[in-house]
C-alpha atoms as a PDB file:
ATOM      1  CA  MET A   1      81.011 109.370 102.922  1.00  0.00           C
ATOM      2  CA  THR A   2      84.694 110.537 103.487  1.00  0.00           C
ATOM      3  CA  ARG A   3      87.542 108.229 102.859  1.00  0.00           C
ATOM      4  CA  ASP A   4      88.371 107.663 106.362  1.00  0.00           C
ATOM      5  CA  SER A   5      84.710 106.511 107.098  1.00  0.00           C
ATOM      6  CA  GLU A   6      85.131 104.175 103.859  1.00  0.00           C
ATOM      7  CA  TYR A   7      88.433 102.385 105.370  1.00  0.00           C
ATOM      8  CA  ILE A   8      86.690 102.305 109.213  1.00  0.00           C
ATOM      9  CA  ASN A   9      83.210 100.812 107.900  1.00  0.00           C
ATOM     10  CA  THR A  10      85.439  98.344 105.982  1.00  0.00           C
ATOM     11  CA  LEU A  11      87.431  97.052 108.926  1.00  0.00           C
ATOM     12  CA  ALA A  12      84.272  96.877 110.986  1.00  0.00           C
ATOM     13  CA  LYS A  13      82.971  94.527 108.423  1.00  0.00           C
ATOM     14  CA  VAL A  14      85.977  92.297 108.072  1.00  0.00           C
ATOM     15  CA  SER A  15      86.950  92.520 111.619  1.00  0.00           C
ATOM     16  CA  GLY A  16      83.786  93.168 113.548  1.00  0.00           C
ATOM     17  CA  ILE A  17      85.563  96.043 115.388  1.00  0.00           C
ATOM     18  CA  LEU A  18      85.456 100.049 115.337  1.00  0.00           C
ATOM     19  CA  PRO A  19      88.945 101.697 115.294  1.00  0.00           C
ATOM     20  CA  LYS A  20      89.650 104.625 117.583  1.00  0.00           C
ATOM     21  CA  ASP A  21      91.359 106.693 114.715  1.00  0.00           C
ATOM     22  CA  CYS A  22      92.172 106.033 110.905  1.00  0.00           C
ATOM     23  CA  PHE A  23      94.204 107.856 108.520  1.00  0.00           C
ATOM     24  CA  GLU A  24      95.846 107.656 105.285  1.00  0.00           C
ATOM     25  CA  GLU A  25      99.539 108.376 104.430  1.00  0.00           C
ATOM     26  CA  GLU A  26     101.187 107.959 100.935  1.00  0.00           C
ATOM     27  CA  ASN A  27      99.827 104.206 100.340  1.00  0.00           C
ATOM     28  CA  THR A  28      99.274 103.049 103.710  1.00  0.00           C
ATOM     29  CA  ILE A  29      95.900 102.978 105.778  1.00  0.00           C
ATOM     30  CA  VAL A  30      96.527 103.328 109.507  1.00  0.00           C
ATOM     31  CA  PHE A  31      94.244 102.214 112.028  1.00  0.00           C
ATOM     32  CA  LEU A  32      94.357 102.785 115.657  1.00  0.00           C
ATOM     33  CA  VAL A  33      93.001 100.177 117.643  1.00  0.00           C
ATOM     34  CA  ASN A  34      92.246  99.599 121.375  1.00  0.00           C
ATOM     35  CA  SER A  35      94.534  96.801 123.049  1.00  0.00           C
ATOM     36  CA  SER A  36      91.826  94.727 123.602  1.00  0.00           C
ATOM     37  CA  GLN A  37      90.823  94.424 119.868  1.00  0.00           C
ATOM     38  CA  MET A  38      94.203  94.079 118.458  1.00  0.00           C
ATOM     39  CA  GLY A  39      93.631  90.344 117.680  1.00  0.00           C
ATOM     40  CA  ALA A  40      90.645  90.827 116.183  1.00  0.00           C
ATOM     41  CA  ALA A  41      91.473  93.788 114.050  1.00  0.00           C
ATOM     42  CA  ILE A  42      94.623  91.715 112.794  1.00  0.00           C
ATOM     43  CA  GLY A  43      92.863  88.020 112.501  1.00  0.00           C
ATOM     44  CA  LYS A  44      94.303  84.737 112.820  1.00  0.00           C
ATOM     45  CA  LYS A  45      97.833  84.771 111.377  1.00  0.00           C
ATOM     46  CA  GLY A  46      96.933  88.294 109.978  1.00  0.00           C
ATOM     47  CA  LYS A  47      94.052  87.244 107.859  1.00  0.00           C
ATOM     48  CA  ASN A  48      92.093  90.571 108.314  1.00  0.00           C
ATOM     49  CA  VAL A  49      95.026  93.003 107.515  1.00  0.00           C
ATOM     50  CA  GLU A  50      95.425  90.761 104.499  1.00  0.00           C
ATOM     51  CA  SER A  51      91.882  91.014 103.433  1.00  0.00           C
ATOM     52  CA  LEU A  52      92.128  94.876 103.902  1.00  0.00           C
ATOM     53  CA  ARG A  53      95.014  95.036 102.113  1.00  0.00           C
ATOM     54  CA  ASN A  54      93.406  93.068  98.871  1.00  0.00           C
ATOM     55  CA  ILE A  55      90.230  95.178  99.411  1.00  0.00           C
ATOM     56  CA  PHE A  56      91.930  98.647  99.438  1.00  0.00           C
ATOM     57  CA  LYS A  57      94.969  97.967  97.184  1.00  0.00           C
ATOM     58  CA  LYS A  58      97.008  99.672  99.906  1.00  0.00           C
ATOM     59  CA  ASN A  59      99.272  98.638 102.724  1.00  0.00           C
ATOM     60  CA  VAL A  60      97.460  98.584 106.029  1.00  0.00           C
ATOM     61  CA  GLU A  61      99.307  99.269 109.574  1.00  0.00           C
ATOM     62  CA  VAL A  62      97.491  98.610 112.848  1.00  0.00           C
ATOM     63  CA  PHE A  63      98.888 100.528 116.007  1.00  0.00           C
ATOM     64  CA  GLU A  64      97.748  99.561 119.309  1.00  0.00           C
ATOM     65  CA  TYR A  65      95.764 102.311 121.381  1.00  0.00           C
ATOM     66  CA  CYS A  66      97.216 102.625 124.809  1.00  0.00           C
ATOM     67  CA  LYS A  67      95.697 105.269 127.685  1.00  0.00           C
ATOM     68  CA  ASP A  68      98.911 106.696 128.524  1.00  0.00           C
ATOM     69  CA  VAL A  69     102.003 108.116 125.685  1.00  0.00           C
ATOM     70  CA  GLU A  70     104.598 106.169 127.503  1.00  0.00           C
ATOM     71  CA  SER A  71     102.839 102.567 127.044  1.00  0.00           C
ATOM     72  CA  PHE A  72     101.499 103.625 123.689  1.00  0.00           C
ATOM     73  CA  LEU A  73     105.320 104.080 122.514  1.00  0.00           C
ATOM     74  CA  ARG A  74     106.661 100.827 124.511  1.00  0.00           C
ATOM     75  CA  LYS A  75     104.030  98.867 122.698  1.00  0.00           C
ATOM     76  CA  ASN A  76     104.099 100.248 119.364  1.00  0.00           C
ATOM     77  CA  LEU A  77     107.956 101.052 118.725  1.00  0.00           C
ATOM     78  CA  LYS A  78     108.936  97.565 119.906  1.00  0.00           C
ATOM     79  CA  ILE A  79     112.154  98.789 121.013  1.00  0.00           C
ATOM     80  CA  GLU A  80     114.045  99.061 124.105  1.00  0.00           C
ATOM     81  CA  ILE A  81     113.070 102.842 125.631  1.00  0.00           C
ATOM     82  CA  GLN A  82     115.834 103.687 128.043  1.00  0.00           C
ATOM     83  CA  LYS A  83     114.018 106.992 129.036  1.00  0.00           C
ATOM     84  CA  ILE A  84     110.853 109.110 128.185  1.00  0.00           C
ATOM     85  CA  GLU A  85     111.029 112.861 128.919  1.00  0.00           C
ATOM     86  CA  GLU A  86     108.018 114.696 128.217  1.00  0.00           C
ATOM     87  CA  GLU A  87     108.127 118.854 128.089  1.00  0.00           C
ATOM     88  CA  ASN A  88     105.822 121.302 126.734  1.00  0.00           C
ATOM     89  CA  ASN A  89     103.707 118.686 124.462  1.00  0.00           C
ATOM     90  CA  SER A  90     106.900 117.208 123.399  1.00  0.00           C
ATOM     91  CA  ILE A  91     108.467 113.966 123.985  1.00  0.00           C
ATOM     92  CA  THR A  92     112.084 112.789 123.654  1.00  0.00           C
ATOM     93  CA  LEU A  93     113.084 109.391 123.417  1.00  0.00           C
ATOM     94  CA  HIS A  94     116.505 108.063 124.833  1.00  0.00           C
ATOM     95  CA  LEU A  95     117.388 105.344 123.097  1.00  0.00           C
ATOM     96  CA  ARG A  96     120.342 102.627 122.447  1.00  0.00           C
ATOM     97  CA  PRO A  97     122.534 103.598 119.539  1.00  0.00           C
ATOM     98  CA  GLU A  98     121.335 100.373 117.536  1.00  0.00           C
ATOM     99  CA  ASP A  99     117.629 101.113 118.113  1.00  0.00           C
ATOM    100  CA  LYS A 100     118.109 104.687 117.277  1.00  0.00           C
ATOM    101  CA  LYS A 101     119.320 103.472 113.982  1.00  0.00           C
ATOM    102  CA  LYS A 102     116.782 100.713 113.437  1.00  0.00           C
ATOM    103  CA  LEU A 103     113.929 103.568 113.979  1.00  0.00           C
ATOM    104  CA  LEU A 104     115.622 106.309 111.531  1.00  0.00           C
ATOM    105  CA  GLY A 105     115.594 103.226 109.142  1.00  0.00           C
ATOM    106  CA  ASN A 106     111.814 103.311 109.100  1.00  0.00           C
ATOM    107  CA  ARG A 107     111.071 107.012 108.740  1.00  0.00           C
ATOM    108  CA  ALA A 108     107.411 106.033 107.546  1.00  0.00           C
ATOM    109  CA  LYS A 109     106.527 104.318 110.792  1.00  0.00           C
ATOM    110  CA  ILE A 110     108.161 107.346 112.744  1.00  0.00           C
ATOM    111  CA  ARG A 111     105.759 109.895 110.720  1.00  0.00           C
ATOM    112  CA  ARG A 112     102.674 107.823 111.417  1.00  0.00           C
ATOM    113  CA  ILE A 113     103.327 107.320 115.048  1.00  0.00           C
ATOM    114  CA  LYS A 114     103.913 111.492 115.315  1.00  0.00           C
ATOM    115  CA  LYS A 115     100.357 111.748 113.685  1.00  0.00           C
ATOM    116  CA  ILE A 116      98.837 109.517 116.195  1.00  0.00           C
ATOM    117  CA  LEU A 117     100.744 111.346 119.023  1.00  0.00           C
ATOM    118  CA  GLU A 118      99.575 114.567 118.049  1.00  0.00           C
ATOM    119  CA  LYS A 119      95.873 113.707 116.802  1.00  0.00           C
ATOM    120  CA  ASN A 120      95.477 111.110 120.083  1.00  0.00           C
ATOM    121  CA  TYR A 121      97.444 112.370 122.650  1.00  0.00           C
ATOM    122  CA  LYS A 122      97.925 116.267 121.964  1.00  0.00           C
ATOM    123  CA  VAL A 123     101.626 115.698 121.829  1.00  0.00           C
ATOM    124  CA  LYS A 124     103.376 118.015 119.046  1.00  0.00           C
ATOM    125  CA  GLY A 125     106.852 116.782 118.817  1.00  0.00           C
ATOM    126  CA  LEU A 126     109.036 113.560 119.256  1.00  0.00           C
ATOM    127  CA  ARG A 127     112.718 113.439 119.270  1.00  0.00           C
ATOM    128  CA  LEU A 128     115.024 110.493 119.496  1.00  0.00           C
ATOM    129  CA  ARG A 129     118.227 110.589 121.210  1.00  0.00           C
END
């Protein structure tokens, strides 16, 4: 059994749901979950995420899967995106300067979102403007 399979099975035991995707990056386990299952994955007051952190002894992040890239970015970045341009399997986000600064302050989250985009949406690049 791979580590990712172990993480997926543990999430299923704790929350009763199967994620759409899962991977480990640095000291964080990342789950991608259908939007209708976000509440179950996180648990009341974050109880399930806290349980997973205790079991894995690692950070846990849950991202919301959406059918289209634009919805995924808007829901998971939690900033105002002024414009999204898609070209040649690459995306450019036009942001307010303060939102760009906020995002750049969390490079780990950007890396995780890029990995989700590549694995689940076939997007090869993400630029912030």
